[in-house]
Amino acid sequence: MLIRTVLRRKGTDVVTVRPDATVTELLAVLGERNIGAVVVSEDGLTITGIVSERDVVRRLADRGAAVLDLPVSAIMTSVVHTCTPEANVDELRRTMTNHRVRHVPVVREGRLVGIVSIGDVVKSSIDELETENEALVGYIRG
């Protein structure tokens, strides 16, 4: 299965924040949208970084409440793993597991076109296995 199939099912909406948004503003976005990470972008199309709730928790532990007034750019991950819509779901799952990454932006020709989470990737793999299982059961039953 390809990532474009996952995006077709879940949609291509990507929540972004500007690098100069405060961590407090980031937390509001995460809470309002009930998501775990956002892409950091100047224009909503290019990727400057990615920031997750885990990043916030780690920095709070290191720096205390003062982190809430910092810009997102101070806590974001700037080396971002990305994939294309043509990426294979199984390969991306391995990449996400090996690099301990939970969210991967999807890009086409350098432009942000979606985002997938480890949950999306696992769900697609489970759906594929269930479909194969149903086909096998159907075949056995004749």
Protein backbone atom coordinates (compact mmCIF):
# COMPACT_ATOMS: atom_id res chain seq x y z
CA MET A 1 0.00 0.00 0.00
CA LEU A 2 1.18 3.52 -0.75
CA ILE A 3 1.02 6.63 1.42
CA ARG A 4 -1.26 8.32 -1.12
CA THR A 5 -3.88 5.66 -0.29
CA VAL A 6 -3.58 6.50 3.42
CA LEU A 7 -3.97 10.21 2.61
CA ARG A 8 -7.01 9.51 0.44
CA ARG A 9 -8.68 7.88 3.46
CA LYS A 10 -7.63 10.33 6.17
CA GLY A 11 -7.40 13.55 4.20
CA THR A 12 -4.59 15.94 3.40
CA ASP A 13 -5.21 18.60 6.03
CA VAL A 14 -1.94 19.60 7.72
CA VAL A 15 -1.88 21.85 10.75
CA THR A 16 1.06 24.25 10.74
CA VAL A 17 2.41 26.95 13.03
CA ARG A 18 4.84 29.71 12.25
CA PRO A 19 8.33 29.48 13.79
CA ASP A 20 7.71 32.65 15.79
CA ALA A 21 4.53 31.31 17.46
CA THR A 22 5.01 30.82 21.18
CA VAL A 23 4.96 27.41 22.80
CA THR A 24 1.77 28.52 24.60
CA GLU A 25 0.16 29.19 21.19
CA LEU A 26 1.39 25.81 19.99
CA LEU A 27 -0.23 24.08 22.96
CA ALA A 28 -3.53 25.81 22.19
CA VAL A 29 -3.40 24.48 18.60
CA LEU A 30 -2.53 20.96 19.74
CA GLY A 31 -5.41 21.01 22.23
CA GLU A 32 -7.97 22.55 19.87
CA ARG A 33 -7.19 20.13 17.06
CA ASN A 34 -6.60 17.11 19.37
CA ILE A 35 -3.32 16.28 17.64
CA GLY A 36 0.17 15.36 18.82
CA ALA A 37 2.38 17.35 16.44
CA VAL A 38 2.38 20.19 13.94
CA VAL A 39 4.61 21.15 11.07
CA VAL A 40 6.48 24.41 11.58
CA SER A 41 6.19 26.47 8.41
CA GLU A 42 6.50 30.08 7.33
CA ASP A 43 3.93 29.71 4.56
CA GLY A 44 2.01 26.46 5.14
CA LEU A 45 3.71 24.85 2.14
CA THR A 46 7.38 24.49 3.06
CA ILE A 47 8.80 22.74 6.11
CA THR A 48 10.96 24.58 8.61
CA GLY A 49 10.63 21.91 11.30
CA ILE A 50 8.21 19.80 13.28
CA VAL A 51 7.21 20.08 16.92
CA SER A 52 5.32 17.61 19.07
CA GLU A 53 3.82 17.45 22.51
CA ARG A 54 6.83 15.32 23.48
CA ASP A 55 9.15 18.19 22.53
CA VAL A 56 7.20 20.49 24.83
CA VAL A 57 7.30 18.04 27.73
CA ARG A 58 11.03 17.48 27.37
CA ARG A 59 11.77 21.23 27.29
CA LEU A 60 9.47 21.86 30.25
CA ALA A 61 11.44 19.30 32.20
CA ASP A 62 14.73 20.96 31.18
CA ARG A 63 13.85 24.64 31.38
CA GLY A 64 10.67 24.94 33.42
CA ALA A 65 7.66 27.12 32.69
CA ALA A 66 9.78 29.76 30.94
CA VAL A 67 9.66 27.51 27.86
CA LEU A 68 6.01 28.52 27.35
CA ASP A 69 7.06 32.00 26.23
CA LEU A 70 9.73 30.78 23.81
CA PRO A 71 9.15 30.67 20.06
CA VAL A 72 8.38 27.25 18.63
CA SER A 73 11.61 27.49 16.63
CA ALA A 74 13.53 27.15 19.91
CA ILE A 75 12.16 23.67 20.64
CA MET A 76 11.28 22.23 17.22
CA THR A 77 13.10 19.45 15.43
CA SER A 78 14.65 21.00 12.35
CA VAL A 79 15.84 17.79 10.65
CA VAL A 80 12.51 16.36 9.56
CA HIS A 81 11.94 12.90 8.11
CA THR A 82 9.57 13.23 5.16
CA CYS A 83 8.13 10.93 2.53
CA THR A 84 6.33 11.25 -0.79
CA PRO A 85 2.79 10.08 -1.59
CA GLU A 86 4.41 7.23 -3.54
CA ALA A 87 6.24 5.89 -0.46
CA ASN A 88 5.44 2.35 0.62
CA VAL A 89 3.60 2.12 3.95
CA ASP A 90 5.66 -0.86 5.16
CA GLU A 91 8.93 0.92 4.44
CA LEU A 92 7.72 4.08 6.17
CA ARG A 93 6.64 2.05 9.21
CA ARG A 94 10.18 0.65 9.47
CA THR A 95 11.69 4.13 9.08
CA MET A 96 9.40 5.55 11.74
CA THR A 97 10.23 2.71 14.11
CA ASN A 98 13.99 2.82 13.50
CA HIS A 99 14.19 6.60 13.92
CA ARG A 100 11.59 6.74 16.72
CA VAL A 101 9.47 9.24 14.77
CA ARG A 102 5.71 9.42 15.24
CA HIS A 103 4.77 11.97 12.57
CA VAL A 104 6.05 12.26 9.00
CA PRO A 105 5.10 15.11 6.67
CA VAL A 106 4.30 14.09 3.11
CA VAL A 107 5.84 16.24 0.38
CA ARG A 108 5.49 16.43 -3.37
CA GLU A 109 7.97 18.54 -5.35
CA GLY A 110 9.13 20.23 -2.14
CA ARG A 111 5.61 21.18 -1.05
CA LEU A 112 3.71 19.92 1.99
CA VAL A 113 0.74 17.80 0.86
CA GLY A 114 -0.14 15.80 3.98
CA ILE A 115 1.08 14.23 7.19
CA VAL A 116 0.89 10.69 8.51
CA SER A 117 1.23 9.46 12.05
CA ILE A 118 2.43 6.11 13.28
CA GLY A 119 -1.24 5.40 14.08
CA ASP A 120 -2.22 6.01 10.45
CA VAL A 121 0.54 3.71 9.25
CA VAL A 122 -0.31 0.91 11.70
CA LYS A 123 -4.04 1.22 10.94
CA SER A 124 -3.40 0.89 7.20
CA SER A 125 -1.27 -2.21 7.81
CA ILE A 126 -4.00 -3.76 9.99
CA ASP A 127 -6.65 -2.95 7.36
CA GLU A 128 -4.51 -4.61 4.70
CA LEU A 129 -4.03 -7.73 6.85
CA GLU A 130 -7.76 -7.94 7.58
CA THR A 131 -8.54 -7.71 3.86
CA GLU A 132 -6.05 -10.49 3.10
CA ASN A 133 -7.49 -12.59 5.93
CA GLU A 134 -11.04 -12.18 4.60
CA ALA A 135 -9.89 -13.19 1.12
CA LEU A 136 -8.14 -16.29 2.46
CA VAL A 137 -11.15 -17.30 4.56
CA GLY A 138 -13.38 -16.81 1.53
CA TYR A 139 -11.07 -18.93 -0.58
CA ILE A 140 -10.94 -21.74 2.00
CA ARG A 141 -14.71 -21.78 2.43
CA GLY A 142 -15.07 -21.97 -1.33
